Amino acid sequence: MLETEEFQIDRKSTALIVIDLQKGIASRETRPHSAGAVIANSAKLAEAFRKAGMQVFLVHVTASGADRLSPLSDEHWSAPAQMPADWSEFVDEMRPREGDIIIVKKQWGAFYGTELDLQLRRRGIKTIVLCGIATNYGVESTARFAYEYGYNQVFAEDAMSSMSEEAHNMSIRHVFPRIGKVRKTAEILQALLP
């Protein structure tokens, strides 16, 4: 992480975007941070943002059946014949609160085919703080779109994780530093203090 200036957050134009902290995804084993640690840090961020009067976006994926993308690929994920009924529900710690905005997506990223960009722009949001599971899928896909749309970005490194440490580190070390700032949850929380 390169730090060339004091890390600051503009409360008026910054929002938190929490990616896929839902029961069917957060129940998986993750590395290098456990799903429990990711949820705990994300919940701290969400609470701090709400307390500061800042916007929180909760994103979850609900794709099933005909909605699911099925590209030709070398690795193909097969969904179980019957997904658990609560698969797309947010984990208890990330239950929506009054004022939170829920974004429903059908693919990895939170921008394509959703109203996320519209809702951010209507609120004058210029910077997003990203967290969630998985670092190299939902978070990175969202981050790449955000970069192309011109948003400033902050990545809460210990409030995200992946299915392997290698996959997480690839995004953290080689992608995110080129399109935003990588910080720990504690640094972000410190920057939110009055």
Protein backbone atom coordinates (compact mmCIF):
# COMPACT_ATOMS: atom_id res chain seq x y z
CA MET A 1 0.00 0.00 0.00
CA LEU A 2 1.40 3.36 -1.00
CA GLU A 3 0.44 6.23 1.22
CA THR A 4 1.46 9.58 -0.19
CA GLU A 5 -1.16 11.73 1.54
CA GLU A 6 -3.33 11.77 4.63
CA PHE A 7 -6.30 9.47 4.15
CA GLN A 8 -9.57 11.39 4.30
CA ILE A 9 -13.21 10.67 3.55
CA ASP A 10 -15.70 13.32 2.45
CA ARG A 11 -18.88 12.42 4.33
CA LYS A 12 -21.13 14.29 1.90
CA SER A 13 -20.03 12.41 -1.20
CA THR A 14 -19.03 8.94 0.03
CA ALA A 15 -21.14 5.78 0.37
CA LEU A 16 -20.52 2.24 1.57
CA ILE A 17 -21.30 -0.65 -0.78
CA VAL A 18 -21.49 -4.09 0.83
CA ILE A 19 -21.27 -6.95 -1.66
CA ASP A 20 -23.03 -10.32 -1.23
CA LEU A 21 -22.99 -10.73 2.54
CA GLN A 22 -25.89 -13.11 2.20
CA LYS A 23 -26.45 -16.48 3.80
CA GLY A 24 -25.67 -18.61 0.75
CA ILE A 25 -22.31 -16.92 0.12
CA ALA A 26 -21.13 -15.98 3.61
CA SER A 27 -21.57 -19.59 4.72
CA ARG A 28 -18.60 -20.63 2.58
CA GLU A 29 -15.05 -20.96 3.88
CA THR A 30 -12.98 -17.92 2.91
CA ARG A 31 -9.34 -16.84 3.00
CA PRO A 32 -7.33 -14.97 4.17
CA HIS A 33 -10.08 -13.54 6.38
CA SER A 34 -12.88 -15.72 7.71
CA ALA A 35 -16.41 -14.88 6.62
CA GLY A 36 -17.12 -14.07 10.28
CA ALA A 37 -14.33 -11.47 10.35
CA VAL A 38 -15.51 -9.98 7.04
CA ILE A 39 -19.06 -9.73 8.35
CA ALA A 40 -17.92 -8.18 11.65
CA ASN A 41 -15.76 -5.55 9.91
CA SER A 42 -18.45 -4.80 7.32
CA ALA A 43 -21.03 -4.38 10.09
CA LYS A 44 -18.70 -1.92 11.88
CA LEU A 45 -18.35 0.08 8.67
CA ALA A 46 -22.10 0.06 8.01
CA GLU A 47 -22.86 1.23 11.55
CA ALA A 48 -20.28 4.01 11.35
CA PHE A 49 -21.61 5.18 7.99
CA ARG A 50 -25.19 5.22 9.28
CA LYS A 51 -24.16 7.07 12.45
CA ALA A 52 -22.39 9.69 10.30
CA GLY A 53 -25.53 10.12 8.17
CA MET A 54 -23.87 8.50 5.17
CA GLN A 55 -25.50 6.16 2.68
CA VAL A 56 -25.19 2.37 2.91
CA PHE A 57 -25.91 0.16 -0.11
CA LEU A 58 -26.49 -3.55 0.51
CA VAL A 59 -26.05 -5.69 -2.59
CA HIS A 60 -27.12 -9.29 -3.00
CA VAL A 61 -27.43 -11.70 -5.88
CA THR A 62 -30.68 -13.52 -6.55
CA ALA A 63 -30.00 -15.09 -9.95
CA SER A 64 -31.58 -18.45 -10.46
CA GLY A 65 -32.78 -20.58 -13.34
CA ALA A 66 -33.11 -18.55 -16.54
CA ASP A 67 -31.56 -15.47 -14.84
CA ARG A 68 -28.25 -17.22 -14.26
CA LEU A 69 -25.46 -16.49 -16.72
CA SER A 70 -24.04 -19.62 -18.35
CA PRO A 71 -21.14 -18.63 -20.59
CA LEU A 72 -19.01 -21.21 -22.33
CA SER A 73 -16.05 -21.61 -20.00
CA ASP A 74 -13.41 -24.06 -18.85
CA GLU A 75 -14.79 -24.03 -15.30
CA HIS A 76 -18.53 -24.20 -14.89
CA TRP A 77 -20.34 -23.73 -11.60
CA SER A 78 -23.40 -25.91 -11.24
CA ALA A 79 -26.07 -24.73 -8.86
CA PRO A 80 -27.74 -27.32 -6.68
CA ALA A 81 -31.07 -28.53 -8.05
CA GLN A 82 -32.81 -26.68 -5.22
CA MET A 83 -31.17 -23.62 -3.64
CA PRO A 84 -31.92 -23.18 0.08
CA ALA A 85 -34.90 -20.84 0.57
CA ASP A 86 -32.79 -18.30 2.50
CA TRP A 87 -29.76 -18.40 0.14
CA SER A 88 -30.10 -14.76 -0.97
CA GLU A 89 -31.11 -13.31 2.42
CA PHE A 90 -28.62 -10.96 4.09
CA VAL A 91 -26.78 -12.39 7.09
CA ASP A 92 -28.27 -11.22 10.38
CA GLU A 93 -25.48 -8.71 11.06
CA MET A 94 -26.14 -7.01 7.71
CA ARG A 95 -29.93 -6.83 7.87
CA PRO A 96 -31.10 -3.67 6.11
CA ARG A 97 -31.79 -0.69 8.33
CA GLU A 98 -34.03 2.26 7.63
CA GLY A 99 -32.45 4.39 4.91
CA ASP A 100 -30.27 1.61 3.47
CA ILE A 101 -30.62 1.01 -0.26
CA ILE A 102 -30.94 -2.58 -1.45
CA ILE A 103 -29.49 -3.50 -4.84
CA VAL A 104 -30.48 -6.81 -6.40
CA LYS A 105 -28.10 -8.16 -9.04
CA LYS A 106 -28.09 -11.17 -11.33
CA GLN A 107 -24.33 -11.48 -11.95
CA TRP A 108 -21.01 -10.81 -10.21
CA GLY A 109 -20.93 -7.03 -10.45
CA ALA A 110 -23.36 -4.64 -8.77
CA PHE A 111 -23.58 -2.11 -11.63
CA TYR A 112 -24.63 -3.98 -14.76
CA GLY A 113 -28.42 -4.30 -15.05
CA THR A 114 -29.12 -2.58 -11.71
CA GLU A 115 -29.94 0.94 -10.57
CA LEU A 116 -26.76 1.32 -8.49
CA ASP A 117 -25.16 4.00 -10.68
CA LEU A 118 -28.41 5.97 -10.83
CA GLN A 119 -28.90 5.85 -7.05
CA LEU A 120 -25.29 6.90 -6.38
CA ARG A 121 -25.43 9.83 -8.80
CA ARG A 122 -28.80 11.06 -7.49
CA ARG A 123 -27.21 11.34 -4.06
CA GLY A 124 -24.09 13.12 -5.29
CA ILE A 125 -21.83 10.19 -4.40
CA LYS A 126 -18.35 10.45 -5.89
CA THR A 127 -16.49 7.96 -3.69
CA ILE A 128 -17.45 4.43 -2.73
CA VAL A 129 -16.05 2.21 0.00
CA LEU A 130 -16.30 -1.45 -1.01
CA CYS A 131 -16.37 -4.60 1.11
CA GLY A 132 -17.85 -8.10 0.94
CA ILE A 133 -17.39 -11.59 -0.47
CA ALA A 134 -15.74 -12.51 -2.77
CA THR A 135 -12.85 -10.12 -3.31
CA ASN A 136 -12.00 -11.29 -6.83
CA TYR A 137 -15.59 -11.83 -8.02
CA GLY A 138 -18.35 -9.54 -6.77
CA VAL A 139 -16.10 -6.87 -5.27
CA GLU A 140 -13.61 -6.69 -8.14
CA SER A 141 -16.30 -6.81 -10.84
CA THR A 142 -18.13 -3.94 -9.13
CA ALA A 143 -14.85 -2.03 -8.69
CA ARG A 144 -13.91 -2.32 -12.36
CA PHE A 145 -17.26 -0.86 -13.43
CA ALA A 146 -16.96 1.88 -10.78
CA TYR A 147 -13.54 2.81 -12.13
CA GLU A 148 -14.89 3.07 -15.67
CA TYR A 149 -17.82 5.18 -14.41
CA GLY A 150 -15.37 7.59 -12.75
CA TYR A 151 -15.95 6.86 -9.06
CA ASN A 152 -13.18 7.20 -6.50
CA GLN A 153 -12.82 3.99 -4.52
CA VAL A 154 -11.63 2.76 -1.15
CA PHE A 155 -11.23 -0.98 -0.56
CA ALA A 156 -11.63 -2.29 2.99
CA GLU A 157 -9.03 -5.07 2.73
CA ASP A 158 -9.97 -6.87 5.95
CA ALA A 159 -13.72 -6.52 5.27
CA MET A 160 -13.47 -8.70 2.17
CA SER A 161 -12.18 -12.17 1.41
CA SER A 162 -12.25 -14.89 -1.23
CA MET A 163 -12.20 -18.65 -1.61
CA SER A 164 -8.39 -18.60 -1.55
CA GLU A 165 -5.73 -16.28 -0.18
CA GLU A 166 -4.07 -16.22 -3.61
CA ALA A 167 -7.25 -14.95 -5.31
CA HIS A 168 -7.81 -12.29 -2.63
CA ASN A 169 -4.21 -11.08 -2.80
CA MET A 170 -4.26 -10.85 -6.59
CA SER A 171 -7.02 -8.24 -6.41
CA ILE A 172 -5.60 -6.47 -3.34
CA ARG A 173 -2.03 -6.23 -4.65
CA HIS A 174 -2.41 -5.92 -8.40
CA VAL A 175 -5.84 -4.52 -9.29
CA PHE A 176 -7.22 -2.35 -6.49
CA PRO A 177 -4.13 -0.15 -5.96
CA ARG A 178 -4.42 0.93 -9.63
CA ILE A 179 -8.05 2.00 -9.33
CA GLY A 180 -8.41 3.18 -5.74
CA LYS A 181 -7.02 3.12 -2.21
CA VAL A 182 -6.61 -0.07 -0.20
CA ARG A 183 -7.10 0.44 3.54
CA LYS A 184 -7.89 -1.53 6.70
CA THR A 185 -11.28 -1.18 8.38
CA ALA A 186 -9.70 0.66 11.32
CA GLU A 187 -8.21 3.29 8.98
CA ILE A 188 -11.57 3.88 7.32
CA LEU A 189 -13.32 4.15 10.68
CA GLN A 190 -10.68 6.61 11.87
CA ALA A 191 -11.23 8.76 8.77
CA LEU A 192 -14.97 8.91 9.58
CA LEU A 193 -14.41 10.46 13.01
CA PRO A 194 -15.51 14.11 13.28
